[in-house]
Structures are given as C-alpha cells and as structure tokens.
Amino acid sequence: NELEPAVGAALGTSVHSGAAMLLQEKKDT
C-alpha cells in the first residue's frame, strides 16, 4: 500500500529541522 504521511511525523520532522538550526547557531555563536 501507498501511505500518506502521518501529520505527527511530518510535523515532528519539520520541528526537528528548526531545532537543528537553533543548535547550530548555539554551537557557532
């Protein structure tokens, strides 16, 4: 079967990307 993305996974991945940006900023600055 083809599955549509579960909104929880889609949202979690997105938030994860934002968190990575913040952590990189903390490491760099």
PDB file of all heavy atoms in Angstrom:
ATOM      1  N   ASN A   1       0.826  -1.202   0.000  1.00  0.00           N
ATOM      2  CA  ASN A   1       0.000   0.000   0.000  1.00  0.00           C
ATOM      3  C   ASN A   1       0.864   1.258   0.000  1.00  0.00           C
ATOM      4  O   ASN A   1       1.951   1.286   0.573  1.00  0.00           O
ATOM      5  CB  ASN A   1      -0.895   0.033   1.256  1.00  0.00           C
ATOM      6  CG  ASN A   1      -1.773  -1.199   1.363  1.00  0.00           C
ATOM      7  OD1 ASN A   1      -2.335  -1.666   0.392  1.00  0.00           O
ATOM      8  ND2 ASN A   1      -1.871  -1.743   2.577  1.00  0.00           N
ATOM      9  N   GLU A   2       0.345   2.297  -0.641  1.00  0.00           N
ATOM     10  CA  GLU A   2       0.960   3.616  -0.536  1.00  0.00           C
ATOM     11  C   GLU A   2       0.375   4.315   0.693  1.00  0.00           C
ATOM     12  O   GLU A   2      -0.843   4.283   0.910  1.00  0.00           O
ATOM     13  CB  GLU A   2       0.673   4.457  -1.784  1.00  0.00           C
ATOM     14  CG  GLU A   2       1.277   3.891  -3.065  1.00  0.00           C
ATOM     15  CD  GLU A   2       2.781   4.030  -3.105  1.00  0.00           C
ATOM     16  OE1 GLU A   2       3.330   4.821  -2.300  1.00  0.00           O
ATOM     17  OE2 GLU A   2       3.419   3.348  -3.932  1.00  0.00           O
ATOM     18  N   LEU A   3       1.225   4.944   1.475  1.00  0.00           N
ATOM     19  CA  LEU A   3       0.782   5.622   2.684  1.00  0.00           C
ATOM     20  C   LEU A   3       0.951   7.128   2.536  1.00  0.00           C
ATOM     21  O   LEU A   3       1.977   7.584   2.040  1.00  0.00           O
ATOM     22  CB  LEU A   3       1.576   5.151   3.910  1.00  0.00           C
ATOM     23  CG  LEU A   3       1.559   3.668   4.247  1.00  0.00           C
ATOM     24  CD1 LEU A   3       2.336   3.443   5.541  1.00  0.00           C
ATOM     25  CD2 LEU A   3       0.144   3.138   4.368  1.00  0.00           C
ATOM     26  N   GLU A   4      -0.044   7.881   2.984  1.00  0.00           N
ATOM     27  CA  GLU A   4       0.147   9.320   3.126  1.00  0.00           C
ATOM     28  C   GLU A   4       0.951   9.580   4.399  1.00  0.00           C
ATOM     29  O   GLU A   4       0.846   8.828   5.372  1.00  0.00           O
ATOM     30  CB  GLU A   4      -1.201  10.043   3.229  1.00  0.00           C
ATOM     31  CG  GLU A   4      -1.950  10.156   1.916  1.00  0.00           C
ATOM     32  CD  GLU A   4      -3.154  11.069   2.042  1.00  0.00           C
ATOM     33  OE1 GLU A   4      -3.722  11.168   3.163  1.00  0.00           O
ATOM     34  OE2 GLU A   4      -3.540  11.684   1.032  1.00  0.00           O
ATOM     35  N   PRO A   5       1.747  10.625   4.425  1.00  0.00           N
ATOM     36  CA  PRO A   5       2.489  10.926   5.644  1.00  0.00           C
ATOM     37  C   PRO A   5       1.537  11.190   6.812  1.00  0.00           C
ATOM     38  O   PRO A   5       0.536  11.894   6.650  1.00  0.00           O
ATOM     39  CB  PRO A   5       3.272  12.197   5.290  1.00  0.00           C
ATOM     40  CG  PRO A   5       3.286  12.251   3.803  1.00  0.00           C
ATOM     41  CD  PRO A   5       2.021  11.588   3.346  1.00  0.00           C
ATOM     42  N   ALA A   6       1.819  10.625   7.962  1.00  0.00           N
ATOM     43  CA  ALA A   6       1.065  10.959   9.170  1.00  0.00           C
ATOM     44  C   ALA A   6       1.455  12.366   9.590  1.00  0.00           C
ATOM     45  O   ALA A   6       2.636  12.727   9.570  1.00  0.00           O
ATOM     46  CB  ALA A   6       1.365   9.969  10.283  1.00  0.00           C
ATOM     47  N   VAL A   7       0.469  13.159   9.971  1.00  0.00           N
ATOM     48  CA  VAL A   7       0.764  14.562  10.286  1.00  0.00           C
ATOM     49  C   VAL A   7       1.743  14.669  11.450  1.00  0.00           C
ATOM     50  O   VAL A   7       2.583  15.579  11.481  1.00  0.00           O
ATOM     51  CB  VAL A   7      -0.529  15.342  10.575  1.00  0.00           C
ATOM     52  CG1 VAL A   7      -1.202  14.869  11.865  1.00  0.00           C
ATOM     53  CG2 VAL A   7      -0.256  16.837  10.634  1.00  0.00           C
ATOM     54  N   GLY A   8       1.670  13.750  12.394  1.00  0.00           N
ATOM     55  CA  GLY A   8       2.587  13.810  13.522  1.00  0.00           C
ATOM     56  C   GLY A   8       4.034  13.660  13.081  1.00  0.00           C
ATOM     57  O   GLY A   8       4.922  14.388  13.544  1.00  0.00           O
ATOM     58  N   ALA A   9       4.285  12.720  12.161  1.00  0.00           N
ATOM     59  CA  ALA A   9       5.645  12.527  11.653  1.00  0.00           C
ATOM     60  C   ALA A   9       6.089  13.720  10.824  1.00  0.00           C
ATOM     61  O   ALA A   9       7.236  14.181  10.930  1.00  0.00           O
ATOM     62  CB  ALA A   9       5.708  11.249  10.829  1.00  0.00           C
ATOM     63  N   ALA A  10       5.185  14.237   9.976  1.00  0.00           N
ATOM     64  CA  ALA A  10       5.527  15.385   9.140  1.00  0.00           C
ATOM     65  C   ALA A  10       5.843  16.608   9.995  1.00  0.00           C
ATOM     66  O   ALA A  10       6.802  17.350   9.735  1.00  0.00           O
ATOM     67  CB  ALA A  10       4.374  15.691   8.185  1.00  0.00           C
ATOM     68  N   LEU A  11       5.045  16.822  11.033  1.00  0.00           N
ATOM     69  CA  LEU A  11       5.272  17.969  11.911  1.00  0.00           C
ATOM     70  C   LEU A  11       6.543  17.777  12.734  1.00  0.00           C
ATOM     71  O   LEU A  11       7.341  18.712  12.894  1.00  0.00           O
ATOM     72  CB  LEU A  11       4.056  18.163  12.809  1.00  0.00           C
ATOM     73  CG  LEU A  11       3.984  19.474  13.598  1.00  0.00           C
ATOM     74  CD1 LEU A  11       2.531  19.921  13.747  1.00  0.00           C
ATOM     75  CD2 LEU A  11       4.600  19.320  14.985  1.00  0.00           C
ATOM     76  N   GLY A  12       6.748  16.566  13.224  1.00  0.00           N
ATOM     77  CA  GLY A  12       7.933  16.300  14.030  1.00  0.00           C
ATOM     78  C   GLY A  12       9.218  16.498  13.245  1.00  0.00           C
ATOM     79  O   GLY A  12      10.188  17.087  13.751  1.00  0.00           O
ATOM     80  N   THR A  13       9.246  16.042  11.995  1.00  0.00           N
ATOM     81  CA  THR A  13      10.418  16.231  11.151  1.00  0.00           C
ATOM     82  C   THR A  13      10.686  17.711  10.909  1.00  0.00           C
ATOM     83  O   THR A  13      11.840  18.164  10.907  1.00  0.00           O
ATOM     84  CB  THR A  13      10.227  15.505   9.808  1.00  0.00           C
ATOM     85  OG1 THR A  13      10.005  14.113  10.054  1.00  0.00           O
ATOM     86  CG2 THR A  13      11.436  15.670   8.906  1.00  0.00           C
ATOM     87  N   SER A  14       9.619  18.465  10.714  1.00  0.00           N
ATOM     88  CA  SER A  14       9.747  19.902  10.461  1.00  0.00           C
ATOM     89  C   SER A  14      10.308  20.629  11.680  1.00  0.00           C
ATOM     90  O   SER A  14      11.227  21.446  11.565  1.00  0.00           O
ATOM     91  CB  SER A  14       8.377  20.490  10.085  1.00  0.00           C
ATOM     92  OG  SER A  14       7.785  19.786   9.026  1.00  0.00           O
ATOM     93  N   VAL A  15       9.758  20.331  12.845  1.00  0.00           N
ATOM     94  CA  VAL A  15      10.234  20.951  14.078  1.00  0.00           C
ATOM     95  C   VAL A  15      11.686  20.560  14.334  1.00  0.00           C
ATOM     96  O   VAL A  15      12.498  21.379  14.781  1.00  0.00           O
ATOM     97  CB  VAL A  15       9.331  20.544  15.258  1.00  0.00           C
ATOM     98  CG1 VAL A  15       9.931  20.979  16.587  1.00  0.00           C
ATOM     99  CG2 VAL A  15       7.939  21.141  15.077  1.00  0.00           C
ATOM    100  N   HIS A  16      12.010  19.332  14.028  1.00  0.00           N
ATOM    101  CA  HIS A  16      13.373  18.852  14.191  1.00  0.00           C
ATOM    102  C   HIS A  16      14.343  19.702  13.367  1.00  0.00           C
ATOM    103  O   HIS A  16      15.449  20.032  13.815  1.00  0.00           O
ATOM    104  CB  HIS A  16      13.437  17.391  13.753  1.00  0.00           C
ATOM    105  CG  HIS A  16      14.672  16.678  14.160  1.00  0.00           C
ATOM    106  ND1 HIS A  16      15.862  16.841  13.509  1.00  0.00           N
ATOM    107  CD2 HIS A  16      14.908  15.790  15.155  1.00  0.00           C
ATOM    108  CE1 HIS A  16      16.782  16.092  14.068  1.00  0.00           C
ATOM    109  NE2 HIS A  16      16.231  15.435  15.073  1.00  0.00           N
ATOM    110  N   SER A  17      13.939  20.063  12.149  1.00  0.00           N
ATOM    111  CA  SER A  17      14.789  20.890  11.289  1.00  0.00           C
ATOM    112  C   SER A  17      15.018  22.266  11.906  1.00  0.00           C
ATOM    113  O   SER A  17      16.130  22.797  11.880  1.00  0.00           O
ATOM    114  CB  SER A  17      14.141  21.039   9.908  1.00  0.00           C
ATOM    115  OG  SER A  17      13.987  19.792   9.276  1.00  0.00           O
ATOM    116  N   GLY A  18      13.946  22.827  12.471  1.00  0.00           N
ATOM    117  CA  GLY A  18      14.090  24.119  13.139  1.00  0.00           C
ATOM    118  C   GLY A  18      14.985  24.034  14.361  1.00  0.00           C
ATOM    119  O   GLY A  18      15.817  24.923  14.604  1.00  0.00           O
ATOM    120  N   ALA A  19      14.843  22.955  15.121  1.00  0.00           N
ATOM    121  CA  ALA A  19      15.683  22.771  16.312  1.00  0.00           C
ATOM    122  C   ALA A  19      17.147  22.645  15.926  1.00  0.00           C
ATOM    123  O   ALA A  19      18.034  23.184  16.609  1.00  0.00           O
ATOM    124  CB  ALA A  19      15.223  21.531  17.078  1.00  0.00           C
ATOM    125  N   ALA A  20      17.421  21.942  14.831  1.00  0.00           N
ATOM    126  CA  ALA A  20      18.807  21.792  14.377  1.00  0.00           C
ATOM    127  C   ALA A  20      19.423  23.141  14.031  1.00  0.00           C
ATOM    128  O   ALA A  20      20.606  23.383  14.305  1.00  0.00           O
ATOM    129  CB  ALA A  20      18.861  20.857  13.172  1.00  0.00           C
ATOM    130  N   MET A  21      18.630  24.042  13.436  1.00  0.00           N
ATOM    131  CA  MET A  21      19.126  25.385  13.139  1.00  0.00           C
ATOM    132  C   MET A  21      19.526  26.116  14.412  1.00  0.00           C
ATOM    133  O   MET A  21      20.578  26.769  14.478  1.00  0.00           O
ATOM    134  CB  MET A  21      18.055  26.194  12.404  1.00  0.00           C
ATOM    135  CG  MET A  21      17.894  25.877  10.942  1.00  0.00           C
ATOM    136  SD  MET A  21      16.704  26.997  10.149  1.00  0.00           S
ATOM    137  CE  MET A  21      17.547  28.580  10.325  1.00  0.00           C
ATOM    138  N   LEU A  22      18.693  26.007  15.423  1.00  0.00           N
ATOM    139  CA  LEU A  22      18.972  26.688  16.692  1.00  0.00           C
ATOM    140  C   LEU A  22      20.207  26.107  17.379  1.00  0.00           C
ATOM    141  O   LEU A  22      21.027  26.847  17.932  1.00  0.00           O
ATOM    142  CB  LEU A  22      17.756  26.572  17.610  1.00  0.00           C
ATOM    143  CG  LEU A  22      16.492  27.268  17.111  1.00  0.00           C
ATOM    144  CD1 LEU A  22      15.289  26.853  17.948  1.00  0.00           C
ATOM    145  CD2 LEU A  22      16.661  28.783  17.143  1.00  0.00           C
ATOM    146  N   LEU A  23      20.348  24.795  17.337  1.00  0.00           N
ATOM    147  CA  LEU A  23      21.509  24.163  17.952  1.00  0.00           C
ATOM    148  C   LEU A  23      22.798  24.538  17.211  1.00  0.00           C
ATOM    149  O   LEU A  23      23.840  24.749  17.832  1.00  0.00           O
ATOM    150  CB  LEU A  23      21.317  22.650  17.965  1.00  0.00           C
ATOM    151  CG  LEU A  23      20.248  22.139  18.941  1.00  0.00           C
ATOM    152  CD1 LEU A  23      19.844  20.711  18.591  1.00  0.00           C
ATOM    153  CD2 LEU A  23      20.740  22.222  20.378  1.00  0.00           C
ATOM    154  N   GLN A  24      22.707  24.621  15.880  1.00  0.00           N
ATOM    155  CA  GLN A  24      23.891  25.026  15.114  1.00  0.00           C
ATOM    156  C   GLN A  24      24.281  26.464  15.433  1.00  0.00           C
ATOM    157  O   GLN A  24      25.472  26.791  15.549  1.00  0.00           O
ATOM    158  CB  GLN A  24      23.616  24.878  13.615  1.00  0.00           C
ATOM    159  CG  GLN A  24      24.855  25.050  12.749  1.00  0.00           C
ATOM    160  CD  GLN A  24      25.880  23.956  12.988  1.00  0.00           C
ATOM    161  OE1 GLN A  24      25.561  22.769  12.925  1.00  0.00           O
ATOM    162  NE2 GLN A  24      27.118  24.350  13.274  1.00  0.00           N
ATOM    163  N   GLU A  25      23.270  27.317  15.581  1.00  0.00           N
ATOM    164  CA  GLU A  25      23.553  28.705  15.963  1.00  0.00           C
ATOM    165  C   GLU A  25      24.237  28.764  17.327  1.00  0.00           C
ATOM    166  O   GLU A  25      25.206  29.519  17.523  1.00  0.00           O
ATOM    167  CB  GLU A  25      22.258  29.513  15.994  1.00  0.00           C
ATOM    168  CG  GLU A  25      22.464  30.982  16.362  1.00  0.00           C
ATOM    169  CD  GLU A  25      21.163  31.732  16.580  1.00  0.00           C
ATOM    170  OE1 GLU A  25      20.135  31.083  16.886  1.00  0.00           O
ATOM    171  OE2 GLU A  25      21.183  32.971  16.471  1.00  0.00           O
ATOM    172  N   LYS A  26      23.752  27.939  18.266  1.00  0.00           N
ATOM    173  CA  LYS A  26      24.361  27.917  19.594  1.00  0.00           C
ATOM    174  C   LYS A  26      25.816  27.443  19.506  1.00  0.00           C
ATOM    175  O   LYS A  26      26.710  28.021  20.154  1.00  0.00           O
ATOM    176  CB  LYS A  26      23.550  27.000  20.511  1.00  0.00           C
ATOM    177  CG  LYS A  26      24.160  26.797  21.903  1.00  0.00           C
ATOM    178  CD  LYS A  26      24.193  28.081  22.705  1.00  0.00           C
ATOM    179  CE  LYS A  26      24.766  27.874  24.106  1.00  0.00           C
ATOM    180  NZ  LYS A  26      23.911  27.004  24.955  1.00  0.00           N
ATOM    181  N   LYS A  27      26.068  26.435  18.702  1.00  0.00           N
ATOM    182  CA  LYS A  27      27.431  25.925  18.564  1.00  0.00           C
ATOM    183  C   LYS A  27      28.349  26.977  17.937  1.00  0.00           C
ATOM    184  O   LYS A  27      29.497  27.150  18.353  1.00  0.00           O
ATOM    185  CB  LYS A  27      27.432  24.659  17.708  1.00  0.00           C
ATOM    186  CG  LYS A  27      28.817  24.059  17.519  1.00  0.00           C
ATOM    187  CD  LYS A  27      28.768  22.831  16.622  1.00  0.00           C
ATOM    188  CE  LYS A  27      30.183  22.268  16.407  1.00  0.00           C
ATOM    189  NZ  LYS A  27      30.181  21.118  15.464  1.00  0.00           N
ATOM    190  N   ASP A  28      27.833  27.683  16.920  1.00  0.00           N
ATOM    191  CA  ASP A  28      28.669  28.626  16.175  1.00  0.00           C
ATOM    192  C   ASP A  28      28.903  29.941  16.912  1.00  0.00           C
ATOM    193  O   ASP A  28      29.973  30.539  16.813  1.00  0.00           O
ATOM    194  CB  ASP A  28      28.027  28.928  14.815  1.00  0.00           C
ATOM    195  CG  ASP A  28      28.027  27.710  13.893  1.00  0.00           C
ATOM    196  OD1 ASP A  28      28.793  26.766  14.146  1.00  0.00           O
ATOM    197  OD2 ASP A  28      27.237  27.711  12.931  1.00  0.00           O
ATOM    198  N   THR A  29      27.877  30.406  17.637  1.00  0.00           N
ATOM    199  CA  THR A  29      27.946  31.756  18.220  1.00  0.00           C
ATOM    200  C   THR A  29      27.866  31.787  19.732  1.00  0.00           C
ATOM    201  O   THR A  29      28.160  32.814  20.349  1.00  0.00           O
ATOM    202  CB  THR A  29      26.810  32.633  17.668  1.00  0.00           C
ATOM    203  OG1 THR A  29      25.548  32.182  18.199  1.00  0.00           O
ATOM    204  CG2 THR A  29      26.761  32.597  16.142  1.00  0.00           C
TER     205      THR A  29
END
